[in-house]
């Protein structure tokens, strides 16, 4: 997918750069073109972050496009592919991220993973069908719930388990390296 974002919208004045300037930043869920994770990565990279780790799970093409764009802008950016709910993936990415960040762990982690590749309709009402009997609507709503339950579980696992795993992993590294860390 082509990179579609206007970079000028992500360059800030000096007073707004302090939160990311000289930080080693890792953003989960940063691969989707037009997504909030991409906005975080661009904001960090274009405003003085020392390093930007662009994490994605399935958005390979968009994630690599973002890294390439950041690099053309002079940003020290690198891709990180992992499933944030898989402890093996997280442990394997640990040393790679530290290596890419010059031997130190990130000191700013933005946990943004959210699993929206196909979209998900939790909390959204099904469209109404004109003149549909209430019993048929009830059956249709129940079936929709059952059909989408697995995807809902994946979304919640990614948001909750992924957040807990990332915070525990990087908090442990911050203690080991005696580095301050922000989430």
N, C-alpha and C. Protein backbone atom coordinates (compact mmCIF):
# COMPACT_ATOMS: atom_id res chain seq x y z
N UNK A 1 0.84 -1.17 0.00
CA UNK A 1 0.00 0.00 0.00
C UNK A 1 0.90 1.24 0.00
N UNK A 2 0.52 2.22 -0.75
CA UNK A 2 1.31 3.45 -0.83
C UNK A 2 1.17 4.27 0.46
N UNK A 3 2.21 5.00 0.76
CA UNK A 3 2.22 5.88 1.92
C UNK A 3 1.37 7.10 1.59
N UNK A 4 0.35 7.40 2.40
CA UNK A 4 -0.62 8.43 2.01
C UNK A 4 -0.66 9.65 2.93
N UNK A 5 0.23 9.75 3.88
CA UNK A 5 0.14 10.79 4.90
C UNK A 5 0.95 12.03 4.51
N UNK A 6 0.43 13.20 4.85
CA UNK A 6 1.12 14.48 4.64
C UNK A 6 2.05 14.72 5.84
N UNK A 7 3.34 14.63 5.62
CA UNK A 7 4.32 14.75 6.70
C UNK A 7 4.32 16.11 7.39
N UNK A 8 3.91 17.15 6.69
CA UNK A 8 3.94 18.49 7.29
C UNK A 8 3.02 18.58 8.52
N UNK A 9 2.04 17.73 8.60
CA UNK A 9 1.11 17.76 9.74
C UNK A 9 1.72 17.17 11.00
N UNK A 10 2.91 16.59 10.90
CA UNK A 10 3.54 15.92 12.03
C UNK A 10 4.82 16.61 12.51
N UNK A 11 5.11 17.76 11.97
CA UNK A 11 6.28 18.53 12.41
C UNK A 11 5.80 19.61 13.37
N UNK A 12 6.36 19.60 14.58
CA UNK A 12 5.89 20.52 15.62
C UNK A 12 6.94 21.56 15.96
N UNK A 13 6.50 22.62 16.63
CA UNK A 13 7.46 23.63 17.07
C UNK A 13 8.23 23.10 18.28
N UNK A 14 9.29 23.81 18.63
CA UNK A 14 10.22 23.38 19.68
C UNK A 14 9.52 23.08 21.00
N UNK A 15 8.52 23.85 21.36
CA UNK A 15 7.86 23.67 22.65
C UNK A 15 7.11 22.34 22.77
N UNK A 16 6.77 21.73 21.66
CA UNK A 16 6.02 20.47 21.68
C UNK A 16 6.88 19.24 21.44
N UNK A 17 8.16 19.44 21.24
CA UNK A 17 9.06 18.33 20.94
C UNK A 17 9.59 17.63 22.19
N UNK A 18 9.51 18.26 23.33
CA UNK A 18 10.17 17.78 24.55
C UNK A 18 9.76 16.35 24.94
N UNK A 19 8.55 15.96 24.66
CA UNK A 19 8.10 14.63 25.05
C UNK A 19 8.77 13.48 24.31
N UNK A 20 9.31 13.77 23.13
CA UNK A 20 9.93 12.71 22.34
C UNK A 20 11.39 12.96 21.99
N UNK A 21 11.83 14.18 22.15
CA UNK A 21 13.19 14.53 21.74
C UNK A 21 14.23 13.67 22.47
N UNK A 22 15.11 13.06 21.68
CA UNK A 22 16.19 12.19 22.17
C UNK A 22 15.70 10.92 22.85
N UNK A 23 14.46 10.54 22.67
CA UNK A 23 13.91 9.31 23.27
C UNK A 23 14.10 8.14 22.30
N UNK A 24 14.23 6.98 22.89
CA UNK A 24 14.22 5.73 22.14
C UNK A 24 12.78 5.23 22.22
N UNK A 25 12.04 5.35 21.12
CA UNK A 25 10.60 5.15 21.12
C UNK A 25 10.23 3.83 20.42
N UNK A 26 9.37 3.06 21.06
CA UNK A 26 8.80 1.86 20.46
C UNK A 26 7.30 2.02 20.47
N UNK A 27 6.69 1.91 19.29
CA UNK A 27 5.24 2.06 19.16
C UNK A 27 4.66 0.76 18.64
N UNK A 28 3.81 0.12 19.44
CA UNK A 28 3.15 -1.09 18.95
C UNK A 28 1.96 -0.68 18.08
N UNK A 29 1.63 -1.53 17.12
CA UNK A 29 0.51 -1.26 16.24
C UNK A 29 0.72 -0.02 15.39
N UNK A 30 1.95 0.17 14.91
CA UNK A 30 2.27 1.39 14.15
C UNK A 30 2.30 1.15 12.65
N UNK A 31 1.95 -0.03 12.19
CA UNK A 31 2.12 -0.34 10.78
C UNK A 31 1.01 0.08 9.84
N UNK A 32 -0.17 0.31 10.33
CA UNK A 32 -1.33 0.57 9.46
C UNK A 32 -1.30 1.98 8.90
N UNK A 33 -1.31 2.11 7.57
CA UNK A 33 -1.31 3.42 6.93
C UNK A 33 -2.57 4.18 7.33
N UNK A 34 -2.38 5.39 7.83
CA UNK A 34 -3.51 6.21 8.26
C UNK A 34 -3.96 5.95 9.68
N UNK A 35 -3.29 5.02 10.37
CA UNK A 35 -3.68 4.68 11.73
C UNK A 35 -3.03 5.56 12.78
N UNK A 36 -3.54 5.46 13.99
CA UNK A 36 -3.01 6.29 15.08
C UNK A 36 -1.58 5.90 15.44
N UNK A 37 -1.23 4.61 15.32
CA UNK A 37 0.15 4.19 15.59
C UNK A 37 1.12 4.82 14.60
N UNK A 38 0.71 4.92 13.35
CA UNK A 38 1.54 5.58 12.35
C UNK A 38 1.72 7.05 12.72
N UNK A 39 0.66 7.68 13.20
CA UNK A 39 0.74 9.09 13.61
C UNK A 39 1.72 9.25 14.78
N UNK A 40 1.67 8.32 15.74
CA UNK A 40 2.63 8.37 16.85
C UNK A 40 4.06 8.25 16.33
N UNK A 41 4.28 7.31 15.43
CA UNK A 41 5.64 7.09 14.90
C UNK A 41 6.14 8.31 14.14
N UNK A 42 5.29 8.90 13.32
CA UNK A 42 5.68 10.09 12.58
C UNK A 42 5.93 11.26 13.53
N UNK A 43 5.07 11.43 14.52
CA UNK A 43 5.24 12.52 15.48
C UNK A 43 6.55 12.38 16.24
N UNK A 44 6.87 11.17 16.66
CA UNK A 44 8.12 10.94 17.39
C UNK A 44 9.32 11.15 16.46
N UNK A 45 9.28 10.50 15.33
CA UNK A 45 10.43 10.54 14.42
C UNK A 45 10.73 11.91 13.85
N UNK A 46 9.70 12.64 13.50
CA UNK A 46 9.91 13.95 12.87
C UNK A 46 10.12 15.07 13.88
N UNK A 47 10.15 14.70 15.16
CA UNK A 47 10.32 15.72 16.20
C UNK A 47 11.45 15.38 17.17
N UNK A 48 12.45 14.68 16.65
CA UNK A 48 13.68 14.54 17.40
C UNK A 48 13.90 13.28 18.20
N UNK A 49 13.06 12.25 18.03
CA UNK A 49 13.32 10.99 18.73
C UNK A 49 14.66 10.42 18.24
N UNK A 50 15.41 9.85 19.17
CA UNK A 50 16.70 9.27 18.80
C UNK A 50 16.52 8.05 17.91
N UNK A 51 15.53 7.24 18.21
CA UNK A 51 15.24 6.01 17.47
C UNK A 51 13.74 5.76 17.53
N UNK A 52 13.18 5.20 16.45
CA UNK A 52 11.77 4.86 16.42
C UNK A 52 11.61 3.42 15.95
N UNK A 53 11.06 2.58 16.83
CA UNK A 53 10.73 1.21 16.47
C UNK A 53 9.28 1.16 16.02
N UNK A 54 9.07 0.73 14.78
CA UNK A 54 7.73 0.65 14.19
C UNK A 54 7.28 -0.81 14.26
N UNK A 55 6.42 -1.11 15.23
CA UNK A 55 5.93 -2.47 15.41
C UNK A 55 4.66 -2.68 14.60
N UNK A 56 4.55 -3.87 14.04
CA UNK A 56 3.33 -4.32 13.38
C UNK A 56 3.27 -5.83 13.49
N UNK A 57 2.09 -6.36 13.31
CA UNK A 57 1.93 -7.81 13.30
C UNK A 57 1.65 -8.28 11.89
N UNK A 58 0.60 -7.75 11.27
CA UNK A 58 0.21 -8.19 9.93
C UNK A 58 0.37 -7.13 8.85
N UNK A 59 0.49 -5.89 9.22
CA UNK A 59 0.53 -4.80 8.24
C UNK A 59 1.95 -4.61 7.69
N UNK A 60 2.49 -5.69 7.13
CA UNK A 60 3.88 -5.68 6.66
C UNK A 60 4.18 -4.54 5.70
N UNK A 61 3.42 -4.48 4.62
CA UNK A 61 3.71 -3.51 3.57
C UNK A 61 3.63 -2.08 4.10
N UNK A 62 2.56 -1.76 4.82
CA UNK A 62 2.41 -0.42 5.38
C UNK A 62 3.52 -0.12 6.40
N UNK A 63 3.85 -1.10 7.23
CA UNK A 63 4.90 -0.92 8.23
C UNK A 63 6.25 -0.63 7.60
N UNK A 64 6.61 -1.39 6.57
CA UNK A 64 7.89 -1.15 5.90
C UNK A 64 7.88 0.18 5.14
N UNK A 65 6.72 0.56 4.56
CA UNK A 65 6.62 1.86 3.90
C UNK A 65 6.86 2.99 4.90
N UNK A 66 6.30 2.86 6.10
CA UNK A 66 6.50 3.88 7.13
C UNK A 66 7.97 3.98 7.54
N UNK A 67 8.60 2.85 7.75
CA UNK A 67 10.03 2.85 8.12
C UNK A 67 10.85 3.50 7.01
N UNK A 68 10.57 3.14 5.76
CA UNK A 68 11.30 3.74 4.63
C UNK A 68 11.10 5.26 4.58
N UNK A 69 9.88 5.71 4.78
CA UNK A 69 9.59 7.14 4.75
C UNK A 69 10.32 7.86 5.88
N UNK A 70 10.28 7.29 7.08
CA UNK A 70 11.00 7.90 8.21
C UNK A 70 12.50 7.97 7.92
N UNK A 71 13.05 6.90 7.36
CA UNK A 71 14.48 6.90 7.05
C UNK A 71 14.84 7.95 6.01
N UNK A 72 13.98 8.15 5.01
CA UNK A 72 14.26 9.19 4.00
C UNK A 72 14.22 10.58 4.62
N UNK A 73 13.56 10.71 5.76
CA UNK A 73 13.51 11.99 6.48
C UNK A 73 14.64 12.11 7.50
N UNK A 74 15.57 11.14 7.49
CA UNK A 74 16.72 11.20 8.38
C UNK A 74 16.48 10.61 9.76
N UNK A 75 15.38 9.90 9.93
CA UNK A 75 15.04 9.32 11.23
C UNK A 75 15.67 7.94 11.34
N UNK A 76 16.23 7.63 12.50
CA UNK A 76 16.76 6.30 12.77
C UNK A 76 15.56 5.42 13.15
N UNK A 77 14.95 4.79 12.15
CA UNK A 77 13.75 3.97 12.35
C UNK A 77 14.03 2.54 11.93
N UNK A 78 13.31 1.61 12.55
CA UNK A 78 13.47 0.20 12.20
C UNK A 78 12.13 -0.52 12.39
N UNK A 79 11.90 -1.58 11.59
CA UNK A 79 10.67 -2.36 11.70
C UNK A 79 10.78 -3.43 12.78
N UNK A 80 9.65 -3.75 13.41
CA UNK A 80 9.58 -4.82 14.40
C UNK A 80 8.30 -5.61 14.13
N UNK A 81 8.43 -6.85 13.69
CA UNK A 81 7.26 -7.68 13.46
C UNK A 81 7.13 -8.67 14.60
N UNK A 82 5.97 -8.66 15.27
CA UNK A 82 5.73 -9.60 16.36
C UNK A 82 4.25 -9.62 16.71
N UNK A 83 3.83 -10.72 17.27
CA UNK A 83 2.49 -10.85 17.83
C UNK A 83 2.60 -10.50 19.32
N UNK A 84 1.99 -9.40 19.74
CA UNK A 84 2.15 -8.95 21.13
C UNK A 84 1.49 -9.88 22.14
N UNK A 85 0.71 -10.84 21.67
CA UNK A 85 0.10 -11.80 22.59
C UNK A 85 0.90 -13.10 22.67
N UNK A 86 2.00 -13.17 21.93
CA UNK A 86 2.83 -14.37 21.89
C UNK A 86 4.14 -14.10 22.64
N UNK A 87 4.30 -14.72 23.78
CA UNK A 87 5.48 -14.46 24.61
C UNK A 87 6.78 -14.82 23.89
N UNK A 88 6.76 -15.84 23.06
CA UNK A 88 7.94 -16.21 22.28
C UNK A 88 8.34 -15.10 21.32
N UNK A 89 7.35 -14.51 20.64
CA UNK A 89 7.63 -13.39 19.73
C UNK A 89 8.21 -12.21 20.50
N UNK A 90 7.62 -11.90 21.65
CA UNK A 90 8.08 -10.74 22.41
C UNK A 90 9.50 -10.95 22.93
N UNK A 91 9.77 -12.14 23.43
CA UNK A 91 11.11 -12.41 23.95
C UNK A 91 12.14 -12.36 22.82
N UNK A 92 11.75 -12.87 21.65
CA UNK A 92 12.67 -12.87 20.50
C UNK A 92 12.93 -11.44 20.01
N UNK A 93 11.95 -10.57 20.07
CA UNK A 93 12.14 -9.20 19.58
C UNK A 93 12.94 -8.35 20.56
N UNK A 94 12.98 -8.76 21.82
CA UNK A 94 13.63 -8.00 22.88
C UNK A 94 15.07 -7.61 22.52
N UNK A 95 15.91 -8.58 22.24
CA UNK A 95 17.32 -8.27 21.97
C UNK A 95 17.48 -7.51 20.65
N UNK A 96 16.62 -7.79 19.67
CA UNK A 96 16.66 -7.05 18.40
C UNK A 96 16.37 -5.57 18.63
N UNK A 97 15.34 -5.27 19.40
CA UNK A 97 14.98 -3.88 19.68
C UNK A 97 16.11 -3.18 20.43
N UNK A 98 16.65 -3.83 21.45
CA UNK A 98 17.75 -3.24 22.22
C UNK A 98 18.96 -2.99 21.32
N UNK A 99 19.26 -3.93 20.44
CA UNK A 99 20.38 -3.76 19.51
C UNK A 99 20.13 -2.57 18.58
N UNK A 100 18.91 -2.48 18.03
CA UNK A 100 18.57 -1.38 17.12
C UNK A 100 18.59 -0.03 17.82
N UNK A 101 18.41 -0.04 19.14
CA UNK A 101 18.39 1.20 19.91
C UNK A 101 19.75 1.49 20.56
N UNK A 102 20.81 0.90 19.99
CA UNK A 102 22.16 1.21 20.44
C UNK A 102 22.55 0.56 21.75
N UNK A 103 21.95 -0.57 22.08
CA UNK A 103 22.32 -1.30 23.29
C UNK A 103 21.50 -0.95 24.52
N UNK A 104 20.50 -0.11 24.38
CA UNK A 104 19.64 0.25 25.51
C UNK A 104 18.19 -0.03 25.13
N UNK A 105 17.34 -0.29 26.12
CA UNK A 105 15.93 -0.54 25.82
C UNK A 105 15.22 0.78 25.50
N UNK A 106 13.99 0.69 24.98
CA UNK A 106 13.23 1.93 24.75
C UNK A 106 13.00 2.65 26.08
N UNK A 107 12.95 3.97 26.01
CA UNK A 107 12.59 4.72 27.22
C UNK A 107 11.25 5.43 27.05
N UNK A 108 10.58 5.16 25.94
CA UNK A 108 9.19 5.56 25.72
C UNK A 108 8.53 4.45 24.91
N UNK A 109 7.54 3.80 25.51
CA UNK A 109 6.79 2.74 24.82
C UNK A 109 5.34 3.18 24.71
N UNK A 110 4.85 3.18 23.48
CA UNK A 110 3.45 3.53 23.24
C UNK A 110 2.74 2.25 22.83
N UNK A 111 1.88 1.75 23.72
CA UNK A 111 1.15 0.50 23.48
C UNK A 111 -0.13 0.82 22.72
N UNK A 112 -0.11 0.57 21.43
CA UNK A 112 -1.21 0.94 20.56
C UNK A 112 -1.80 -0.25 19.81
N UNK A 113 -1.28 -1.45 20.00
CA UNK A 113 -1.80 -2.60 19.26
C UNK A 113 -3.29 -2.75 19.50
N UNK A 114 -4.00 -3.07 18.44
CA UNK A 114 -5.44 -3.14 18.62
C UNK A 114 -6.19 -4.09 17.73
N UNK A 115 -5.57 -4.70 16.77
CA UNK A 115 -6.22 -5.68 15.90
C UNK A 115 -7.46 -5.11 15.23
N UNK A 116 -7.26 -4.35 14.20
CA UNK A 116 -8.39 -3.82 13.45
C UNK A 116 -8.25 -4.14 11.97
N UNK A 117 -7.51 -5.17 11.67
CA UNK A 117 -7.26 -5.52 10.27
C UNK A 117 -8.56 -5.74 9.49
N UNK A 118 -9.48 -6.52 10.04
CA UNK A 118 -10.73 -6.78 9.35
C UNK A 118 -11.85 -5.91 9.89
N UNK A 119 -11.59 -5.21 10.94
CA UNK A 119 -12.64 -4.46 11.60
C UNK A 119 -13.36 -5.37 12.57
N UNK A 120 -14.12 -4.77 13.44
CA UNK A 120 -14.83 -5.60 14.38
C UNK A 120 -15.99 -4.82 14.93
N UNK A 121 -17.11 -5.48 15.15
CA UNK A 121 -18.37 -4.79 15.38
C UNK A 121 -18.87 -4.88 16.81
N UNK A 122 -18.01 -5.15 17.76
CA UNK A 122 -18.41 -5.23 19.16
C UNK A 122 -19.08 -3.92 19.56
N UNK A 123 -20.30 -4.02 20.08
CA UNK A 123 -21.01 -2.83 20.53
C UNK A 123 -21.78 -2.11 19.45
N UNK A 124 -21.72 -2.57 18.23
CA UNK A 124 -22.47 -1.93 17.14
C UNK A 124 -23.70 -2.77 16.81
N UNK A 125 -24.82 -2.11 16.68
CA UNK A 125 -26.06 -2.82 16.36
C UNK A 125 -26.05 -3.29 14.91
N UNK A 126 -26.64 -4.44 14.69
CA UNK A 126 -26.81 -4.92 13.31
C UNK A 126 -27.82 -4.03 12.61
N UNK A 127 -27.67 -3.95 11.30
CA UNK A 127 -28.64 -3.15 10.55
C UNK A 127 -30.02 -3.78 10.71
N UNK A 128 -31.00 -2.93 10.71
CA UNK A 128 -32.37 -3.43 10.85
C UNK A 128 -32.88 -3.88 9.49
N UNK A 129 -33.72 -4.89 9.52
CA UNK A 129 -34.37 -5.39 8.31
C UNK A 129 -35.84 -5.03 8.41
N UNK A 130 -36.31 -4.32 7.41
CA UNK A 130 -37.69 -3.85 7.44
C UNK A 130 -38.68 -5.01 7.54
N UNK A 131 -39.64 -4.86 8.41
CA UNK A 131 -40.72 -5.85 8.63
C UNK A 131 -40.21 -7.20 9.14
N UNK A 132 -39.04 -7.22 9.72
CA UNK A 132 -38.48 -8.45 10.26
C UNK A 132 -39.17 -8.78 11.58
N UNK A 133 -39.69 -10.00 11.72
CA UNK A 133 -40.30 -10.39 13.00
C UNK A 133 -39.25 -10.35 14.12
N UNK A 134 -39.66 -10.00 15.31
CA UNK A 134 -38.75 -9.86 16.44
C UNK A 134 -38.01 -11.16 16.74
N UNK A 135 -38.67 -12.29 16.57
CA UNK A 135 -38.01 -13.58 16.82
C UNK A 135 -36.89 -13.81 15.82
N UNK A 136 -37.08 -13.43 14.58
CA UNK A 136 -36.06 -13.60 13.55
C UNK A 136 -34.89 -12.65 13.84
N UNK A 137 -35.23 -11.42 14.21
CA UNK A 137 -34.16 -10.46 14.56
C UNK A 137 -33.33 -10.98 15.73
N UNK A 138 -34.01 -11.49 16.76
CA UNK A 138 -33.31 -12.03 17.93
C UNK A 138 -32.37 -13.16 17.51
N UNK A 139 -32.85 -14.06 16.67
CA UNK A 139 -32.02 -15.18 16.21
C UNK A 139 -30.84 -14.67 15.38
N UNK A 140 -31.09 -13.69 14.54
CA UNK A 140 -30.02 -13.13 13.70
C UNK A 140 -28.96 -12.43 14.57
N UNK A 141 -29.38 -11.70 15.58
CA UNK A 141 -28.45 -11.02 16.47
C UNK A 141 -27.62 -12.03 17.24
N UNK A 142 -28.26 -13.08 17.74
CA UNK A 142 -27.53 -14.13 18.47
C UNK A 142 -26.51 -14.81 17.58
N UNK A 143 -26.91 -15.13 16.35
CA UNK A 143 -25.98 -15.78 15.43
C UNK A 143 -24.80 -14.86 15.11
N UNK A 144 -25.08 -13.58 14.91
CA UNK A 144 -24.02 -12.62 14.65
C UNK A 144 -23.04 -12.58 15.83
N UNK A 145 -23.57 -12.58 17.03
CA UNK A 145 -22.74 -12.60 18.24
C UNK A 145 -21.84 -13.83 18.25
N UNK A 146 -22.39 -15.00 17.99
CA UNK A 146 -21.61 -16.24 18.00
C UNK A 146 -20.56 -16.21 16.89
N UNK A 147 -20.95 -15.76 15.71
CA UNK A 147 -20.01 -15.71 14.59
C UNK A 147 -18.84 -14.78 14.86
N UNK A 148 -19.07 -13.71 15.60
CA UNK A 148 -18.03 -12.71 15.83
C UNK A 148 -17.33 -12.83 17.17
N UNK A 149 -17.73 -13.79 17.98
CA UNK A 149 -17.15 -13.93 19.30
C UNK A 149 -15.64 -14.20 19.25
N UNK A 150 -15.20 -15.04 18.34
CA UNK A 150 -13.76 -15.35 18.25
C UNK A 150 -12.96 -14.10 17.88
N UNK A 151 -13.47 -13.33 16.93
CA UNK A 151 -12.75 -12.11 16.57
C UNK A 151 -12.74 -11.13 17.75
N UNK A 152 -13.84 -11.05 18.48
CA UNK A 152 -13.89 -10.19 19.67
C UNK A 152 -12.87 -10.63 20.70
N UNK A 153 -12.73 -11.94 20.88
CA UNK A 153 -11.72 -12.46 21.81
C UNK A 153 -10.31 -12.06 21.37
N UNK A 154 -10.03 -12.16 20.10
CA UNK A 154 -8.71 -11.76 19.59
C UNK A 154 -8.44 -10.28 19.82
N UNK A 155 -9.45 -9.46 19.59
CA UNK A 155 -9.30 -8.02 19.80
C UNK A 155 -8.99 -7.74 21.26
N UNK A 156 -9.75 -8.32 22.16
CA UNK A 156 -9.53 -8.09 23.59
C UNK A 156 -8.20 -8.67 24.05
N UNK A 157 -7.85 -9.85 23.56
CA UNK A 157 -6.54 -10.43 23.91
C UNK A 157 -5.40 -9.51 23.48
N UNK A 158 -5.52 -8.98 22.28
CA UNK A 158 -4.47 -8.10 21.78
C UNK A 158 -4.37 -6.84 22.62
N UNK A 159 -5.50 -6.24 22.91
CA UNK A 159 -5.49 -4.99 23.68
C UNK A 159 -5.04 -5.20 25.12
N UNK A 160 -5.55 -6.22 25.78
CA UNK A 160 -5.27 -6.41 27.21
C UNK A 160 -3.99 -7.22 27.42
N UNK A 161 -3.94 -8.43 26.88
CA UNK A 161 -2.77 -9.28 27.08
C UNK A 161 -1.52 -8.66 26.44
N UNK A 162 -1.68 -8.07 25.26
CA UNK A 162 -0.55 -7.43 24.59
C UNK A 162 -0.01 -6.27 25.40
N UNK A 163 -0.91 -5.46 25.96
CA UNK A 163 -0.49 -4.34 26.79
C UNK A 163 0.26 -4.83 28.02
N UNK A 164 -0.30 -5.82 28.71
CA UNK A 164 0.36 -6.34 29.91
C UNK A 164 1.72 -6.94 29.59
N UNK A 165 1.80 -7.70 28.52
CA UNK A 165 3.07 -8.32 28.15
C UNK A 165 4.13 -7.28 27.81
N UNK A 166 3.75 -6.28 27.03
CA UNK A 166 4.71 -5.24 26.64
C UNK A 166 5.17 -4.44 27.86
N UNK A 167 4.25 -4.08 28.73
CA UNK A 167 4.65 -3.27 29.89
C UNK A 167 5.55 -4.06 30.83
N UNK A 168 5.24 -5.34 31.03
CA UNK A 168 6.09 -6.16 31.90
C UNK A 168 7.47 -6.38 31.30
N UNK A 169 7.51 -6.69 30.01
CA UNK A 169 8.79 -6.92 29.34
C UNK A 169 9.69 -5.69 29.45
N UNK A 170 9.18 -4.54 29.04
CA UNK A 170 10.03 -3.35 28.98
C UNK A 170 10.27 -2.73 30.35
N UNK A 171 9.35 -2.91 31.29
CA UNK A 171 9.61 -2.44 32.66
C UNK A 171 10.76 -3.24 33.26
N UNK A 172 10.78 -4.55 33.01
CA UNK A 172 11.89 -5.38 33.49
C UNK A 172 13.21 -4.97 32.89
N UNK A 173 13.21 -4.66 31.60
CA UNK A 173 14.44 -4.20 30.95
C UNK A 173 14.89 -2.85 31.49
N UNK A 174 13.95 -1.97 31.78
CA UNK A 174 14.29 -0.65 32.32
C UNK A 174 14.97 -0.80 33.68
N UNK A 175 14.45 -1.71 34.51
CA UNK A 175 15.07 -1.94 35.82
C UNK A 175 16.47 -2.52 35.63
N UNK A 176 16.59 -3.51 34.76
CA UNK A 176 17.89 -4.14 34.52
C UNK A 176 18.92 -3.11 34.02
N UNK A 177 18.52 -2.27 33.08
CA UNK A 177 19.43 -1.29 32.49
C UNK A 177 19.51 0.01 33.30
N UNK A 178 18.75 0.07 34.38
CA UNK A 178 18.70 1.26 35.23
C UNK A 178 18.39 2.51 34.40
N UNK A 179 17.34 2.38 33.61
CA UNK A 179 16.90 3.46 32.71
C UNK A 179 15.48 3.87 33.08
N UNK A 180 15.17 5.16 33.06
CA UNK A 180 13.77 5.57 33.25
C UNK A 180 12.95 5.14 32.05
N UNK A 181 11.67 4.89 32.26
CA UNK A 181 10.79 4.42 31.20
C UNK A 181 9.43 5.06 31.33
N UNK A 182 8.85 5.47 30.21
CA UNK A 182 7.50 6.00 30.17
C UNK A 182 6.65 5.09 29.29
N UNK A 183 5.41 4.87 29.71
CA UNK A 183 4.43 4.14 28.89
C UNK A 183 3.33 5.08 28.51
